[in-house]
Amino acid sequence: MKQKYLSEVIYQIFALIIVVIVVHAIYVAVIRPNADIIQQQQTLQQEADEDYVPDRSMYIVLRDFEQETCIILFFWALSIIGMKTVRTMRERSLLDRELLQVSDGTSILPEDTRHFARPVQALPEKERGFLLPRAILAGLHRFGTTRDVQDVSATVRDICDNESERLESELAIVRYIAWAIPSIGFLGTVRGIGTALGQAHQAVTGDILGVTVSLGVAFNSTFVALVTSIVLMFLLYQLSLVQDRLVMDSQTYCDDHLIRYLQVPGRSTPQVGNNEAVQPA
């Protein structure tokens, strides 16, 4: 488990470094040079024709440092979401496999728990760390120890609850990025408005170019920040939904493939339904 967390931290650090290098290279080589050329052309056309209305260029919208920072954070968060989505899909693939070879009409007795645990224990080490194998092994071990079906149900439910909380906490960095992006955009707005006010004396003399450029910085940074934040929040909630479904489906799998087959000699098996499934956060 510690190795898993360490690998995630290393992945996030290298993902951030790669995103910074790639995005900054694109800005230096493509976006800012084109933005400067377009800005110069629009300035010349405005000087030649007072009625000229410049077209809105994406190069100019994206060229400032606040927008670059927002895009870097967006793609960094996107890489984290992608990693967690792939891992969740791998865990979901176990739901389509018969990890417990139990046929209808067969019961699992406390003495049989080791036998039924062997196929799960034979899984690759990486897959044994997934939620479903951990829940099954914990349930079988609990049943062999306590000989109580209700204890097994409670154990499976607790593991699923803990997994749900863990998955929720691991999304904290993405939620922080989703909060930070609009904040950076508003910082660009403050910077642009402040610069525009500092050039107000030029506007009084008739030169409004500096004021308009500064106001463009203000509104462009907010525009880019809000758009990227909206897209990021949508992807974040989709990931959260997929993870919640994984937890609920894993508990349902344990109910249908494990708990319903448990039997203690001399006792009737309590009815354990899916009404105890983990509710999404």
Protein backbone atom coordinates (compact mmCIF):
# COMPACT_ATOMS: atom_id res chain seq x y z
CA MET A 1 0.00 0.00 0.00
CA LYS A 2 2.84 2.39 0.83
CA GLN A 3 4.45 1.60 -2.51
CA LYS A 4 1.17 2.47 -4.22
CA TYR A 5 1.01 5.87 -2.52
CA LEU A 6 4.67 6.53 -3.32
CA SER A 7 4.13 5.69 -6.98
CA GLU A 8 1.17 8.08 -7.11
CA VAL A 9 3.23 10.90 -5.62
CA ILE A 10 6.06 10.28 -8.09
CA TYR A 11 3.56 10.16 -10.96
CA GLN A 12 2.00 13.47 -9.92
CA ILE A 13 5.39 15.18 -9.60
CA PHE A 14 6.63 13.99 -12.98
CA ALA A 15 3.27 14.78 -14.58
CA LEU A 16 3.51 18.35 -13.31
CA ILE A 17 7.07 18.72 -14.59
CA ILE A 18 6.16 17.38 -18.03
CA VAL A 19 3.06 19.57 -18.28
CA VAL A 20 5.03 22.69 -17.31
CA ILE A 21 7.72 21.97 -19.91
CA VAL A 22 5.29 21.18 -22.73
CA VAL A 23 2.86 24.04 -22.09
CA HIS A 24 5.61 26.62 -21.59
CA ALA A 25 7.35 25.46 -24.77
CA ILE A 26 4.10 25.89 -26.72
CA TYR A 27 3.66 29.36 -25.26
CA VAL A 28 7.20 30.43 -26.10
CA ALA A 29 7.25 28.92 -29.58
CA VAL A 30 3.67 29.44 -30.77
CA ILE A 31 1.21 31.40 -28.68
CA ARG A 32 3.15 34.51 -27.59
CA PRO A 33 4.92 35.14 -30.95
CA ASN A 34 1.63 34.87 -32.84
CA ALA A 35 -0.13 37.02 -30.26
CA ASP A 36 2.51 39.76 -30.64
CA ILE A 37 2.23 39.69 -34.43
CA ILE A 38 -1.57 39.86 -34.34
CA GLN A 39 -1.47 42.64 -31.73
CA GLN A 40 0.88 44.72 -33.89
CA GLN A 41 -1.28 44.22 -36.97
CA GLN A 42 -4.41 45.24 -35.09
CA THR A 43 -2.67 48.31 -33.68
CA LEU A 44 -1.60 49.45 -37.15
CA GLN A 45 -5.10 48.92 -38.54
CA GLN A 46 -6.64 50.85 -35.63
CA GLU A 47 -4.28 53.75 -36.27
CA ALA A 48 -5.18 53.74 -39.96
CA ASP A 49 -8.92 53.32 -39.45
CA GLU A 50 -10.67 54.62 -36.34
CA ASP A 51 -13.75 52.50 -37.09
CA TYR A 52 -11.77 49.26 -37.27
CA VAL A 53 -12.99 46.57 -34.85
CA PRO A 54 -10.28 43.96 -34.16
CA ASP A 55 -11.19 40.29 -34.29
CA ARG A 56 -10.92 38.24 -31.11
CA SER A 57 -7.86 36.03 -31.46
CA MET A 58 -7.31 33.00 -29.24
CA TYR A 59 -3.58 33.71 -29.29
CA ILE A 60 -4.22 37.05 -27.60
CA VAL A 61 -6.73 35.53 -25.20
CA LEU A 62 -4.25 32.88 -24.07
CA ARG A 63 -0.96 34.76 -24.13
CA ASP A 64 -0.64 36.08 -20.55
CA PHE A 65 1.01 34.34 -17.62
CA GLU A 66 -2.22 33.82 -15.69
CA GLN A 67 -3.74 31.91 -18.57
CA GLU A 68 -0.60 29.82 -18.93
CA THR A 69 -0.73 28.94 -15.24
CA CYS A 70 -4.40 27.98 -15.48
CA ILE A 71 -3.74 25.72 -18.44
CA ILE A 72 -0.78 24.07 -16.69
CA LEU A 73 -2.90 23.34 -13.63
CA PHE A 74 -5.76 22.10 -15.81
CA PHE A 75 -3.64 19.55 -17.65
CA TRP A 76 -1.94 18.50 -14.42
CA ALA A 77 -5.33 17.81 -12.84
CA LEU A 78 -6.39 16.07 -16.05
CA SER A 79 -3.41 13.71 -15.81
CA ILE A 80 -4.33 12.85 -12.20
CA ILE A 81 -7.96 12.24 -13.16
CA GLY A 82 -6.84 10.06 -16.05
CA MET A 83 -4.60 7.96 -13.79
CA LYS A 84 -7.38 7.41 -11.25
CA THR A 85 -9.92 6.63 -13.97
CA VAL A 86 -7.68 3.95 -15.47
CA ARG A 87 -7.12 2.42 -12.03
CA THR A 88 -10.84 2.44 -11.30
CA MET A 89 -11.59 0.73 -14.61
CA ARG A 90 -9.04 -1.96 -13.79
CA GLU A 91 -10.73 -2.57 -10.46
CA ARG A 92 -14.13 -2.75 -12.14
CA SER A 93 -12.84 -5.47 -14.46
CA LEU A 94 -12.68 -7.82 -11.46
CA LEU A 95 -16.45 -7.53 -11.06
CA ASP A 96 -16.85 -9.50 -14.30
CA ARG A 97 -14.76 -12.40 -13.03
CA GLU A 98 -15.79 -15.34 -10.86
CA LEU A 99 -13.40 -14.95 -7.96
CA LEU A 100 -15.40 -17.39 -5.84
CA GLN A 101 -16.25 -20.72 -7.46
CA VAL A 102 -19.56 -21.29 -5.69
CA SER A 103 -22.43 -22.94 -7.53
CA ASP A 104 -26.10 -22.53 -6.69
CA GLY A 105 -27.20 -24.83 -3.90
CA THR A 106 -23.71 -24.89 -2.39
CA SER A 107 -22.97 -23.39 1.01
CA ILE A 108 -19.74 -22.02 2.38
CA LEU A 109 -19.04 -23.36 5.85
CA PRO A 110 -16.58 -21.79 8.30
CA GLU A 111 -14.24 -24.73 7.66
CA ASP A 112 -14.27 -23.99 3.91
CA THR A 113 -13.06 -20.40 4.07
CA ARG A 114 -9.41 -21.23 3.38
CA HIS A 115 -10.37 -23.30 0.35
CA PHE A 116 -12.46 -20.51 -1.18
CA ALA A 117 -9.84 -17.89 -0.31
CA ARG A 118 -7.09 -19.60 -2.32
CA PRO A 119 -8.25 -18.41 -5.80
CA VAL A 120 -8.37 -14.83 -4.52
CA GLN A 121 -4.98 -15.15 -2.85
CA ALA A 122 -3.58 -16.51 -6.12
CA LEU A 123 -4.31 -13.24 -7.89
CA PRO A 124 -1.34 -11.06 -8.84
CA GLU A 125 -0.13 -8.89 -6.00
CA LYS A 126 -1.35 -5.73 -7.68
CA GLU A 127 -4.88 -7.11 -8.10
CA ARG A 128 -4.98 -8.39 -4.52
CA GLY A 129 -4.70 -4.79 -3.40
CA PHE A 130 -7.93 -3.85 -5.18
CA LEU A 131 -11.11 -3.31 -3.21
CA LEU A 132 -13.01 -6.45 -4.22
CA PRO A 133 -10.31 -9.02 -3.34
CA ARG A 134 -9.64 -7.25 -0.04
CA ALA A 135 -13.32 -7.29 0.85
CA ILE A 136 -13.72 -10.97 -0.07
CA LEU A 137 -10.63 -12.09 1.84
CA ALA A 138 -11.59 -10.03 4.89
CA GLY A 139 -15.10 -11.48 4.81
CA LEU A 140 -13.87 -15.07 4.51
CA HIS A 141 -11.34 -14.57 7.28
CA ARG A 142 -13.98 -13.02 9.50
CA PHE A 143 -16.40 -15.86 8.84
CA GLY A 144 -13.79 -18.48 9.63
CA THR A 145 -12.97 -16.72 12.89
CA THR A 146 -16.37 -15.67 14.25
CA ARG A 147 -18.71 -18.10 12.41
CA ASP A 148 -21.18 -15.20 12.21
CA VAL A 149 -22.70 -14.05 8.92
CA GLN A 150 -23.66 -10.66 10.31
CA ASP A 151 -20.03 -10.03 11.25
CA VAL A 152 -19.03 -10.79 7.68
CA SER A 153 -21.59 -8.33 6.36
CA ALA A 154 -20.38 -5.65 8.76
CA THR A 155 -16.74 -6.31 7.82
CA VAL A 156 -17.44 -5.99 4.10
CA ARG A 157 -19.45 -2.84 4.68
CA ASP A 158 -16.69 -1.29 6.79
CA ILE A 159 -14.06 -2.02 4.15
CA CYS A 160 -16.24 -0.46 1.45
CA ASP A 161 -16.93 2.58 3.64
CA ASN A 162 -13.22 3.04 4.32
CA GLU A 163 -12.43 2.69 0.63
CA SER A 164 -15.06 5.28 -0.25
CA GLU A 165 -13.54 7.73 2.24
CA ARG A 166 -10.04 7.02 0.95
CA LEU A 167 -11.02 7.63 -2.66
CA GLU A 168 -12.74 10.84 -1.63
CA SER A 169 -9.68 12.10 0.25
CA GLU A 170 -7.35 11.30 -2.66
CA LEU A 171 -9.31 13.73 -4.84
CA ALA A 172 -8.41 16.61 -2.52
CA ILE A 173 -5.51 17.76 -4.73
CA VAL A 174 -7.78 17.89 -7.79
CA ARG A 175 -10.41 19.84 -5.86
CA TYR A 176 -7.72 22.27 -4.73
CA ILE A 177 -6.63 22.78 -8.34
CA ALA A 178 -10.25 23.32 -9.39
CA TRP A 179 -10.46 26.04 -6.71
CA ALA A 180 -7.07 27.55 -7.53
CA ILE A 181 -7.70 28.03 -11.27
CA PRO A 182 -10.49 30.65 -10.90
CA SER A 183 -8.47 32.36 -8.18
CA ILE A 184 -5.52 32.73 -10.53
CA GLY A 185 -7.87 34.08 -13.17
CA PHE A 186 -9.15 36.71 -10.76
CA LEU A 187 -5.55 37.65 -9.92
CA GLY A 188 -5.06 38.34 -13.62
CA THR A 189 -8.20 40.46 -13.55
CA VAL A 190 -6.88 42.50 -10.65
CA ARG A 191 -3.51 42.92 -12.37
CA GLY A 192 -5.10 44.00 -15.63
CA ILE A 193 -7.47 46.50 -14.03
CA GLY A 194 -4.67 47.90 -11.88
CA THR A 195 -2.45 48.37 -14.92
CA ALA A 196 -5.32 49.99 -16.83
CA LEU A 197 -5.94 52.46 -14.01
CA GLY A 198 -2.23 53.27 -13.96
CA GLN A 199 -2.48 54.27 -17.63
CA ALA A 200 -5.62 56.35 -17.25
CA HIS A 201 -3.66 59.56 -17.81
CA GLN A 202 -2.77 58.35 -21.31
CA ALA A 203 -6.43 57.77 -22.10
CA VAL A 204 -7.15 61.39 -21.14
CA THR A 205 -4.75 62.53 -23.85
CA GLY A 206 -6.46 60.28 -26.40
CA ASP A 207 -4.14 57.25 -26.31
CA ILE A 208 -6.37 54.42 -25.12
CA LEU A 209 -4.27 51.56 -26.50
CA GLY A 210 -2.54 50.80 -23.20
CA VAL A 211 -5.83 50.85 -21.30
CA THR A 212 -7.56 48.50 -23.73
CA VAL A 213 -4.65 46.05 -23.71
CA SER A 214 -4.63 45.99 -19.90
CA LEU A 215 -8.39 45.49 -19.74
CA GLY A 216 -7.97 42.68 -22.25
CA VAL A 217 -5.57 40.99 -19.83
CA ALA A 218 -8.13 41.39 -17.05
CA PHE A 219 -11.07 39.84 -18.85
CA ASN A 220 -9.15 37.24 -20.85
CA SER A 221 -7.61 35.71 -17.73
CA THR A 222 -11.02 35.42 -16.08
CA PHE A 223 -12.51 33.90 -19.24
CA VAL A 224 -9.83 31.21 -19.56
CA ALA A 225 -9.90 30.41 -15.84
CA LEU A 226 -13.67 29.96 -15.72
CA VAL A 227 -13.80 27.81 -18.85
CA THR A 228 -11.04 25.48 -17.67
CA SER A 229 -12.59 25.30 -14.20
CA ILE A 230 -15.99 24.31 -15.61
CA VAL A 231 -14.49 21.53 -17.70
CA LEU A 232 -12.33 20.31 -14.81
CA MET A 233 -15.23 20.19 -12.36
CA PHE A 234 -17.30 18.17 -14.84
CA LEU A 235 -14.52 15.60 -15.23
CA LEU A 236 -13.96 15.52 -11.46
CA TYR A 237 -17.60 14.75 -10.73
CA GLN A 238 -17.63 12.06 -13.41
CA LEU A 239 -14.63 10.40 -11.77
CA SER A 240 -16.27 10.64 -8.35
CA LEU A 241 -19.39 8.99 -9.78
CA VAL A 242 -17.37 6.13 -11.28
CA GLN A 243 -15.58 5.55 -7.98
CA ASP A 244 -18.82 5.57 -5.99
CA ARG A 245 -20.30 3.01 -8.35
CA LEU A 246 -17.21 0.83 -7.95
CA VAL A 247 -17.64 0.79 -4.17
CA MET A 248 -21.36 0.05 -4.34
CA ASP A 249 -20.96 -2.64 -7.00
CA SER A 250 -18.15 -4.27 -5.00
CA GLN A 251 -20.36 -4.53 -1.93
CA THR A 252 -23.19 -5.89 -4.06
CA TYR A 253 -20.79 -8.46 -5.51
CA CYS A 254 -19.87 -9.61 -2.01
CA ASP A 255 -23.55 -9.86 -1.08
CA ASP A 256 -24.41 -11.90 -4.17
CA HIS A 257 -21.31 -14.09 -4.47
CA LEU A 258 -20.19 -14.52 -0.87
CA ILE A 259 -22.58 -13.60 1.93
CA ARG A 260 -25.64 -15.32 0.49
CA TYR A 261 -23.74 -18.63 0.40
CA LEU A 262 -22.43 -18.49 3.97
CA GLN A 263 -23.92 -21.10 6.24
CA VAL A 264 -23.22 -22.06 9.84
CA PRO A 265 -24.25 -25.65 10.63
CA GLY A 266 -27.32 -25.65 12.83
CA ARG A 267 -28.23 -22.03 12.02
CA SER A 268 -30.31 -20.40 9.34
CA THR A 269 -28.52 -17.86 7.19
CA PRO A 270 -29.64 -14.28 8.00
CA GLN A 271 -30.98 -12.29 5.10
CA VAL A 272 -28.35 -9.75 4.12
CA GLY A 273 -29.53 -7.57 1.28
CA ASN A 274 -28.13 -4.77 -0.75
CA ASN A 275 -29.84 -2.13 1.35
CA GLU A 276 -26.58 -1.73 3.26
CA ALA A 277 -24.69 -0.69 0.18
CA VAL A 278 -22.49 2.36 0.44
CA GLN A 279 -24.27 5.49 -0.58
CA PRO A 280 -22.37 7.89 -2.86
CA ALA A 281 -20.89 10.94 -1.20
